[in-house]
Amino acid sequence: MKFTSTLLKHNKRLMLKNVWKHKGSFPDRPPMIPQAVLDSGLEIVDPNVEEPPEPWVPPVPDDPQFKSRPSITELPNYNEEPAYVYTRGSRIMEGSKQACILTKSISFNGFPDTIKPLIGRFQAQDQDKLIQRYIMQSQKWDPSKEPLPKRIDTANVGYKFTREYGIPKKRSIGILMRNLIRLCQSTGDQFPSILSDLRLIPDAYLGSHYYYQGKLVIFEANAKYLLMSNQPMKAFEGEDKIDESVNQKLLNMYPLSPLINIPKRNCYRIQNIAGFQKEFSHSHPHTIFLINNNFWRDDSNQAMGLFNCFGYAVTQARKLYGNEQNLSKPICVQCVNMNQTTINFTFFQLNTTDFSSQHGVKNFVWFDSGNHLFQKQLPQPWRGEEYKKTYYHSYNPLAFEKLLAAVLGNAPEVQEYLDNSEEIAALS
């Protein structure tokens, strides 16, 4: 009789009962050994009997000090009280507002008054043409063809995109950033100090620390590029504004602590490294360049830029002034963080290193966010044939003009040019 699906369906339960009934009830049969093997005198091993293997002894005995791995409490840099460690991947909850509380800073919008007049005053040769070529190089012309993460469009969440191949996001931003920095350096024929007074350091390491109301906070980060100068940057604000900051109040997060989002660590190294551990001719941090290879809001990326500026400034202040809290000369550091289409600017001025309370002299920070260099429209195939390709549009030259102004802001030739322009305007 042929067992069809219908018969098997009715007899399935009976078959399972018979299987469970006889499971384990069959004794192990003795092995059947041929007579020729018995006559040969070979040792017969019963396969049904498991014998434990003999322990293996290495020919060279282990060193006693490496027999057991030390616990975390036995490490030389272990501390009973954990420290707050801020790294590149630490994302704080309230963004720039929380960062201002931790750095004791008063925030302003836009560029500082000392750099704002430089926007649009200078241009590199074939500036707009080259920038547009750099954009296409970072988006289309690079030969990289790697699998990209699968995309989800909020306009149609259920649509399934096919696997895309192209330039990874991090590489794309790095290509555009490197080319824009090179274009800024091409103005060296007009301003020679940009080549002689500045040095561009790739993958610069930051290891800094400070005490926020008695609690140790450690900064560990790596900048894509760090622009170092042979002279400190000029102050963004004068002594009058610094004295007025005593009467200004900071934001607060009561009853929450502003350190709530920063992870803790018991093993830590207290470092004081800003770019280079040893001194050299260009030892003053000027501009930090960061790649925003994430999906954060501009406010969160600006908070990361502020922490990087603050870490470099505190380290420099410790080298120049030691334990002096109210600095005789402010220390200024600026940061440029960018993604594939947008450039954000952060300008920080360190006036004090007294973080025991929220009173007294405050630090200053300026945020200029959302400077779109161009717009990128990704494919949306469900909308029709004309939306099946990626489009690049709305090129904005103002974003690079701001970058050029930030890089040239400390050049002595720029100040001479502005002074001469003011004299000519007054005479006319």
Protein backbone atom coordinates (compact mmCIF):
# COMPACT_ATOMS: atom_id res chain seq x y z
CA MET A 1 0.00 0.00 0.00
CA LYS A 2 1.27 3.40 -0.91
CA PHE A 3 1.43 5.87 1.97
CA THR A 4 -0.07 9.06 0.65
CA SER A 5 -0.08 12.41 2.49
CA THR A 6 -3.62 11.71 3.67
CA LEU A 7 -2.73 8.34 5.18
CA LEU A 8 0.39 9.71 6.79
CA LYS A 9 -1.65 12.52 8.30
CA HIS A 10 -3.93 10.04 10.09
CA ASN A 11 -1.13 7.63 11.09
CA LYS A 12 1.36 10.31 12.18
CA ARG A 13 0.41 10.19 15.85
CA LEU A 14 0.50 6.37 15.93
CA MET A 15 3.92 6.31 14.30
CA LEU A 16 5.30 8.79 16.85
CA LYS A 17 3.94 6.66 19.70
CA ASN A 18 5.72 3.59 18.37
CA VAL A 19 8.98 5.52 18.01
CA TRP A 20 8.85 6.83 21.59
CA LYS A 21 7.86 3.37 22.84
CA HIS A 22 10.94 1.65 21.46
CA LYS A 23 13.42 4.52 21.92
CA GLY A 24 16.27 3.48 24.15
CA SER A 25 14.99 -0.07 24.64
CA PHE A 26 17.37 -1.68 22.11
CA PRO A 27 20.60 -2.88 23.76
CA ASP A 28 23.96 -2.10 22.16
CA ARG A 29 24.98 -5.07 20.08
CA PRO A 30 28.52 -6.36 20.46
CA PRO A 31 30.77 -5.53 17.51
CA MET A 32 31.14 -8.22 14.88
CA ILE A 33 34.88 -8.80 14.43
CA PRO A 34 36.10 -10.86 11.48
CA GLN A 35 38.05 -13.99 12.35
CA ALA A 36 41.07 -12.82 10.39
CA VAL A 37 41.39 -9.78 12.63
CA LEU A 38 41.16 -11.95 15.74
CA ASP A 39 43.88 -14.25 14.43
CA SER A 40 46.21 -11.31 13.69
CA GLY A 41 46.59 -10.50 17.39
CA LEU A 42 45.60 -6.81 17.11
CA GLU A 43 44.22 -5.02 20.15
CA ILE A 44 40.46 -4.81 19.99
CA VAL A 45 38.85 -1.62 21.38
CA ASP A 46 35.15 -1.60 22.14
CA PRO A 47 33.64 1.49 20.40
CA ASN A 48 30.78 1.60 22.88
CA VAL A 49 33.13 2.31 25.79
CA GLU A 50 34.45 5.89 26.00
CA GLU A 51 37.81 6.32 27.68
CA PRO A 52 38.99 9.78 28.74
CA PRO A 53 41.99 10.99 26.74
CA GLU A 54 45.32 11.38 28.44
CA PRO A 55 46.12 14.96 29.46
CA TRP A 56 48.54 16.69 27.12
CA VAL A 57 51.67 18.08 28.73
CA PRO A 58 53.55 20.80 26.77
CA PRO A 59 57.24 20.12 26.19
CA VAL A 60 58.12 23.50 27.75
CA PRO A 61 56.35 24.33 31.03
CA ASP A 62 54.40 27.59 31.23
CA ASP A 63 55.82 30.61 33.00
CA PRO A 64 54.05 30.94 36.37
CA GLN A 65 53.33 34.67 35.81
CA PHE A 66 51.30 33.90 32.67
CA LYS A 67 49.24 31.05 34.08
CA SER A 68 46.28 33.25 35.03
CA ARG A 69 45.10 36.50 33.50
CA PRO A 70 45.00 39.32 36.06
CA SER A 71 41.60 40.68 37.00
CA ILE A 72 40.63 44.26 36.22
CA THR A 73 41.29 45.30 39.82
CA GLU A 74 44.92 44.08 39.53
CA LEU A 75 45.80 46.27 36.54
CA PRO A 76 48.33 49.03 37.24
CA ASN A 77 46.03 51.87 36.06
CA TYR A 78 42.95 50.70 37.94
CA ASN A 79 41.24 53.33 40.09
CA GLU A 80 38.55 52.77 42.67
CA GLU A 81 36.65 55.89 41.64
CA PRO A 82 35.55 55.71 37.97
CA ALA A 83 36.22 58.62 35.65
CA TYR A 84 33.90 60.00 32.97
CA VAL A 85 35.48 59.24 29.58
CA TYR A 86 34.27 61.15 26.52
CA THR A 87 35.18 59.50 23.21
CA ARG A 88 34.26 60.19 19.60
CA GLY A 89 31.20 57.95 19.77
CA SER A 90 29.74 59.51 22.92
CA ARG A 91 26.47 61.24 22.08
CA ILE A 92 25.07 63.48 24.78
CA MET A 93 21.35 63.89 25.28
CA GLU A 94 20.85 67.66 25.04
CA GLY A 95 23.47 68.38 22.40
CA SER A 96 25.18 71.78 22.40
CA LYS A 97 23.22 73.03 25.45
CA GLN A 98 24.59 70.25 27.63
CA ALA A 99 28.07 70.72 26.16
CA CYS A 100 27.95 74.41 27.10
CA ILE A 101 27.13 73.48 30.70
CA LEU A 102 30.04 71.04 30.92
CA THR A 103 32.49 73.52 29.39
CA LYS A 104 31.09 76.54 31.31
CA SER A 105 30.45 78.36 28.05
CA ILE A 106 28.09 81.03 26.80
CA SER A 107 26.93 80.31 23.25
CA PHE A 108 26.41 82.72 20.35
CA ASN A 109 25.02 82.19 16.86
CA GLY A 110 27.03 82.86 13.73
CA PHE A 111 30.67 83.79 13.27
CA PRO A 112 32.69 85.89 15.74
CA ASP A 113 32.92 89.58 14.90
CA THR A 114 36.65 89.25 14.16
CA ILE A 115 36.11 86.69 11.38
CA LYS A 116 32.69 87.66 10.02
CA PRO A 117 34.05 90.59 7.87
CA LEU A 118 36.33 88.14 6.03
CA ILE A 119 33.47 86.11 4.56
CA GLY A 120 33.37 86.62 0.80
CA ARG A 121 36.35 89.02 0.74
CA PHE A 122 38.81 86.51 -0.74
CA GLN A 123 38.61 83.86 -3.43
CA ALA A 124 40.86 81.15 -4.78
CA GLN A 125 41.55 80.85 -8.48
CA ASP A 126 38.72 79.06 -10.34
CA GLN A 127 37.05 78.56 -6.98
CA ASP A 128 33.50 77.63 -7.99
CA LYS A 129 34.59 75.43 -10.88
CA LEU A 130 37.01 73.45 -8.72
CA ILE A 131 34.55 73.03 -5.84
CA GLN A 132 31.93 71.59 -8.15
CA ARG A 133 34.50 69.18 -9.54
CA TYR A 134 35.44 68.18 -5.99
CA ILE A 135 31.79 67.49 -5.23
CA MET A 136 31.45 65.21 -8.24
CA GLN A 137 34.73 63.47 -7.39
CA SER A 138 33.48 62.69 -3.88
CA GLN A 139 30.07 61.54 -5.12
CA LYS A 140 30.57 59.91 -8.55
CA TRP A 141 34.08 60.02 -10.00
CA ASP A 142 35.97 58.07 -7.34
CA PRO A 143 36.61 54.47 -8.53
CA SER A 144 35.44 52.89 -5.24
CA LYS A 145 32.59 50.42 -5.75
CA GLU A 146 31.76 48.97 -2.37
CA PRO A 147 28.41 47.65 -1.11
CA LEU A 148 26.52 50.45 0.60
CA PRO A 149 24.14 49.99 3.55
CA LYS A 150 20.56 49.28 2.58
CA ARG A 151 18.57 52.46 2.47
CA ILE A 152 15.21 53.25 4.09
CA ASP A 153 13.24 56.26 2.88
CA THR A 154 10.83 57.79 5.38
CA ALA A 155 8.58 58.81 2.48
CA ASN A 156 7.90 55.14 1.74
CA VAL A 157 9.15 52.95 4.57
CA GLY A 158 7.87 49.70 3.08
CA TYR A 159 9.74 50.08 -0.22
CA LYS A 160 12.62 47.60 -0.60
CA PHE A 161 15.68 49.12 -2.28
CA THR A 162 18.05 46.89 -4.20
CA ARG A 163 21.64 46.65 -3.04
CA GLU A 164 23.61 49.74 -4.10
CA TYR A 165 27.34 49.93 -4.81
CA GLY A 166 29.41 53.09 -4.73
CA ILE A 167 31.63 55.31 -2.59
CA PRO A 168 31.33 54.72 1.19
CA LYS A 169 30.11 57.70 3.16
CA LYS A 170 33.27 58.13 5.21
CA ARG A 171 35.51 58.03 2.14
CA SER A 172 33.23 60.45 0.29
CA ILE A 173 33.43 63.04 3.09
CA GLY A 174 37.20 62.57 3.37
CA ILE A 175 37.72 63.23 -0.34
CA LEU A 176 35.66 66.42 -0.25
CA MET A 177 37.30 67.68 2.96
CA ARG A 178 40.84 67.05 1.71
CA ASN A 179 40.16 68.87 -1.55
CA LEU A 180 38.57 71.87 0.18
CA ILE A 181 41.57 72.18 2.50
CA ARG A 182 43.90 72.01 -0.51
CA LEU A 183 41.89 74.76 -2.18
CA CYS A 184 42.32 76.93 0.92
CA GLN A 185 46.07 76.31 0.81
CA SER A 186 46.15 77.37 -2.84
CA THR A 187 45.71 80.99 -1.68
CA GLY A 188 49.33 80.90 -0.51
CA ASP A 189 50.38 83.13 -3.41
CA GLN A 190 48.19 85.90 -1.92
CA PHE A 191 48.84 85.07 1.75
CA PRO A 192 52.22 83.31 2.17
CA SER A 193 51.72 82.85 5.92
CA ILE A 194 49.07 80.18 5.29
CA LEU A 195 51.89 77.97 4.00
CA SER A 196 54.69 78.99 6.37
CA ASP A 197 52.78 79.46 9.66
CA LEU A 198 50.39 76.50 9.42
CA ARG A 199 50.99 72.75 9.34
CA LEU A 200 48.32 70.17 8.51
CA ILE A 201 48.51 67.03 10.65
CA PRO A 202 46.41 63.97 9.66
CA ASP A 203 44.83 61.68 12.29
CA ALA A 204 45.82 63.85 15.25
CA TYR A 205 45.26 62.32 18.69
CA LEU A 206 43.71 64.15 21.62
CA GLY A 207 44.23 62.98 25.19
CA SER A 208 43.08 65.56 27.72
CA HIS A 209 41.29 65.83 31.05
CA TYR A 210 39.79 68.29 33.51
CA TYR A 211 37.79 68.28 36.73
CA TYR A 212 34.15 69.28 36.53
CA GLN A 213 32.97 70.12 40.05
CA GLY A 214 35.47 67.67 41.53
CA LYS A 215 34.76 64.81 39.06
CA LEU A 216 37.42 63.70 36.60
CA VAL A 217 36.43 63.95 32.92
CA ILE A 218 38.75 62.49 30.26
CA PHE A 219 38.73 63.32 26.54
CA GLU A 220 39.95 60.78 23.99
CA ALA A 221 39.45 61.61 20.32
CA ASN A 222 41.06 61.55 16.89
CA ALA A 223 40.68 64.39 14.41
CA LYS A 224 40.70 63.69 10.69
CA TYR A 225 42.99 66.70 10.23
CA LEU A 226 44.48 69.18 12.67
CA LEU A 227 45.79 72.53 11.53
CA MET A 228 48.64 73.64 13.81
CA SER A 229 50.09 77.16 13.92
CA ASN A 230 53.40 78.62 15.06
CA GLN A 231 51.56 81.35 16.97
CA PRO A 232 48.38 81.37 19.06
CA MET A 233 45.12 82.52 17.53
CA LYS A 234 43.88 86.01 18.28
CA ALA A 235 41.08 86.35 20.78
CA PHE A 236 37.57 86.43 19.35
CA GLU A 237 36.38 88.76 22.15
CA GLY A 238 38.22 91.34 24.25
CA GLU A 239 38.61 91.76 28.00
CA ASP A 240 35.44 93.85 28.30
CA LYS A 241 33.25 90.97 27.16
CA ILE A 242 35.17 88.58 29.39
CA ASP A 243 34.54 90.74 32.45
CA GLU A 244 30.85 91.04 31.56
CA SER A 245 30.51 87.26 31.49
CA VAL A 246 30.76 87.18 35.30
CA ASN A 247 27.18 88.49 35.58
CA GLN A 248 25.77 86.14 32.91
CA LYS A 249 24.10 82.89 33.93
CA LEU A 250 24.57 79.49 32.38
CA LEU A 251 21.93 76.94 31.49
CA ASN A 252 21.24 74.07 33.89
CA MET A 253 19.79 70.56 33.76
CA TYR A 254 18.63 70.30 37.33
CA PRO A 255 17.81 67.74 38.75
CA LEU A 256 19.86 65.80 36.16
CA SER A 257 23.64 65.91 36.12
CA PRO A 258 25.20 67.15 32.86
CA LEU A 259 27.50 64.10 33.04
CA ILE A 260 24.57 61.68 32.75
CA ASN A 261 25.33 60.56 29.17
CA ILE A 262 29.11 60.18 29.48
CA PRO A 263 30.22 56.58 30.24
CA LYS A 264 32.40 55.73 33.24
CA ARG A 265 35.63 53.76 33.39
CA ASN A 266 37.77 52.50 36.27
CA CYS A 267 40.93 51.95 34.23
CA TYR A 268 42.15 55.18 32.70
CA ARG A 269 45.25 57.15 31.81
CA ILE A 270 45.47 60.85 32.61
CA GLN A 271 47.07 62.39 29.52
CA ASN A 272 47.89 65.86 28.29
CA ILE A 273 48.41 65.43 24.54
CA ALA A 274 47.11 67.84 21.93
CA GLY A 275 48.37 66.86 18.50
CA PHE A 276 51.94 66.03 19.53
CA GLN A 277 53.40 64.81 22.78
CA LYS A 278 56.70 66.65 22.12
CA GLU A 279 57.01 70.35 21.41
CA PHE A 280 57.89 71.56 17.95
CA SER A 281 57.76 74.84 16.02
CA HIS A 282 54.02 74.67 15.21
CA SER A 283 52.57 73.72 18.59
CA HIS A 284 49.41 75.86 18.77
CA PRO A 285 46.14 74.21 17.69
CA HIS A 286 44.35 76.30 15.08
CA THR A 287 41.54 74.37 13.32
CA ILE A 288 40.16 70.88 13.93
CA PHE A 289 38.56 69.02 11.01
CA LEU A 290 36.05 66.28 11.88
CA ILE A 291 34.09 63.88 9.67
CA ASN A 292 30.44 63.38 10.64
CA ASN A 293 30.06 59.77 9.54
CA ASN A 294 26.84 59.33 11.51
CA PHE A 295 23.15 60.07 11.42
CA TRP A 296 23.17 62.68 14.20
CA ARG A 297 21.53 66.07 14.08
CA ASP A 298 23.70 69.13 13.47
CA ASP A 299 23.28 70.11 17.12
CA SER A 300 24.80 66.83 18.32
CA ASN A 301 27.72 67.17 15.91
CA GLN A 302 28.27 70.74 17.08
CA ALA A 303 28.45 69.45 20.66
CA MET A 304 31.15 67.01 19.55
CA GLY A 305 33.01 69.89 17.89
CA LEU A 306 32.81 71.95 21.09
CA PHE A 307 34.22 69.09 23.19
CA ASN A 308 37.14 68.68 20.77
CA CYS A 309 37.89 72.42 20.84
CA PHE A 310 37.61 72.43 24.61
CA GLY A 311 39.96 69.44 25.00
CA TYR A 312 42.67 71.01 22.84
CA ALA A 313 42.27 74.40 24.55
CA VAL A 314 42.49 72.96 28.08
CA THR A 315 45.58 70.97 27.16
CA GLN A 316 47.23 74.05 25.66
CA ALA A 317 46.32 76.15 28.70
CA ARG A 318 47.88 73.57 31.00
CA LYS A 319 51.10 73.69 28.97
CA LEU A 320 51.29 77.49 28.86
CA TYR A 321 49.88 78.58 32.23
CA GLY A 322 50.07 75.53 34.47
CA ASN A 323 47.43 75.63 37.20
CA GLU A 324 46.41 79.25 36.56
CA GLN A 325 42.61 79.42 36.40
CA ASN A 326 41.86 82.89 35.04
CA LEU A 327 44.05 82.98 31.95
CA SER A 328 46.01 86.14 31.20
CA LYS A 329 45.44 85.55 27.47
CA PRO A 330 42.48 83.55 26.15
CA ILE A 331 43.12 80.43 24.10
CA CYS A 332 41.07 80.12 20.91
CA VAL A 333 40.45 76.97 18.87
CA GLN A 334 38.01 76.45 16.01
CA CYS A 335 36.46 73.32 14.54
CA VAL A 336 35.04 72.40 11.14
CA ASN A 337 32.83 69.32 11.11
CA MET A 338 31.15 68.26 7.90
CA ASN A 339 29.13 65.49 6.30
CA GLN A 340 28.53 64.79 2.63
CA THR A 341 26.64 68.03 1.94
CA THR A 342 26.87 70.32 4.99
CA ILE A 343 29.64 72.20 6.81
CA ASN A 344 29.33 73.26 10.46
CA PHE A 345 31.64 75.70 12.26
CA THR A 346 32.49 75.96 15.96
CA PHE A 347 34.63 78.73 17.46
CA PHE A 348 35.71 78.37 21.09
CA GLN A 349 37.49 80.82 23.40
CA LEU A 350 38.81 79.51 26.72
CA ASN A 351 38.89 82.27 29.33
CA THR A 352 39.02 80.25 32.55
CA THR A 353 39.80 76.74 33.76
CA ASP A 354 37.84 77.09 37.01
CA PHE A 355 35.06 74.49 36.76
CA SER A 356 34.39 74.07 40.46
CA SER A 357 31.17 76.09 40.15
CA GLN A 358 28.97 77.86 37.58
CA HIS A 359 29.96 81.32 38.84
CA GLY A 360 32.75 83.65 37.79
CA VAL A 361 34.28 84.16 34.35
CA LYS A 362 32.69 82.13 31.54
CA ASN A 363 34.04 80.76 28.29
CA PHE A 364 32.66 81.68 24.86
CA VAL A 365 31.54 79.51 21.95
CA TRP A 366 30.06 80.40 18.55
CA PHE A 367 28.00 77.93 16.48
CA ASP A 368 27.32 78.31 12.78
CA SER A 369 25.38 75.26 11.56
CA GLY A 370 23.59 74.03 8.47
CA ASN A 371 25.82 75.50 5.75
CA HIS A 372 24.80 73.37 2.76
CA LEU A 373 27.48 73.20 0.11
CA PHE A 374 25.05 71.44 -2.23
CA GLN A 375 21.86 69.38 -2.10
CA LYS A 376 21.65 65.66 -2.86
CA GLN A 377 18.37 64.09 -3.92
CA LEU A 378 18.42 60.28 -3.61
CA PRO A 379 16.35 58.04 -5.90
CA GLN A 380 12.65 57.43 -5.14
CA PRO A 381 11.61 54.94 -7.84
CA TRP A 382 7.97 54.70 -6.74
CA ARG A 383 7.41 58.32 -7.82
CA GLY A 384 8.16 57.75 -11.49
CA GLU A 385 10.93 57.49 -14.07
CA GLU A 386 12.39 60.94 -13.39
CA TYR A 387 13.13 59.99 -9.75
CA LYS A 388 15.18 56.86 -10.46
CA LYS A 389 18.52 58.70 -10.47
CA THR A 390 20.49 60.70 -7.90
CA TYR A 391 20.43 64.45 -8.56
CA TYR A 392 22.85 67.10 -7.25
CA HIS A 393 21.63 70.68 -7.19
CA SER A 394 21.55 73.99 -5.26
CA TYR A 395 25.31 74.62 -5.15
CA ASN A 396 26.02 77.24 -2.47
CA PRO A 397 29.45 78.98 -2.67
CA LEU A 398 28.90 80.74 0.68
CA ALA A 399 29.77 77.55 2.59
CA PHE A 400 33.32 77.49 1.22
CA GLU A 401 33.69 81.25 1.64
CA LYS A 402 33.05 80.76 5.34
CA LEU A 403 35.63 77.95 5.45
CA LEU A 404 38.22 80.12 3.72
CA ALA A 405 37.52 82.97 6.14
CA ALA A 406 38.00 80.65 9.13
CA VAL A 407 41.33 79.34 7.83
CA LEU A 408 42.64 82.81 6.90
CA GLY A 409 41.33 84.54 10.01
CA ASN A 410 44.67 84.52 11.83
CA ALA A 411 46.93 85.39 8.87
CA PRO A 412 48.79 88.73 9.37
CA GLU A 413 48.48 89.65 5.67
CA VAL A 414 44.69 89.49 5.96
CA GLN A 415 44.65 92.03 8.77
CA GLU A 416 46.95 94.33 6.80
CA TYR A 417 44.65 93.99 3.79
CA LEU A 418 41.61 94.91 5.88
CA ASP A 419 43.39 97.90 7.43
CA ASN A 420 44.40 99.20 3.99
CA SER A 421 40.87 98.70 2.69
CA GLU A 422 39.44 100.72 5.59
CA GLU A 423 41.94 103.53 4.96
CA ILE A 424 41.08 103.63 1.25
CA ALA A 425 37.37 103.66 2.05
CA ALA A 426 37.85 106.50 4.53
CA LEU A 427 39.81 108.59 2.00
CA SER A 428 37.21 108.07 -0.71
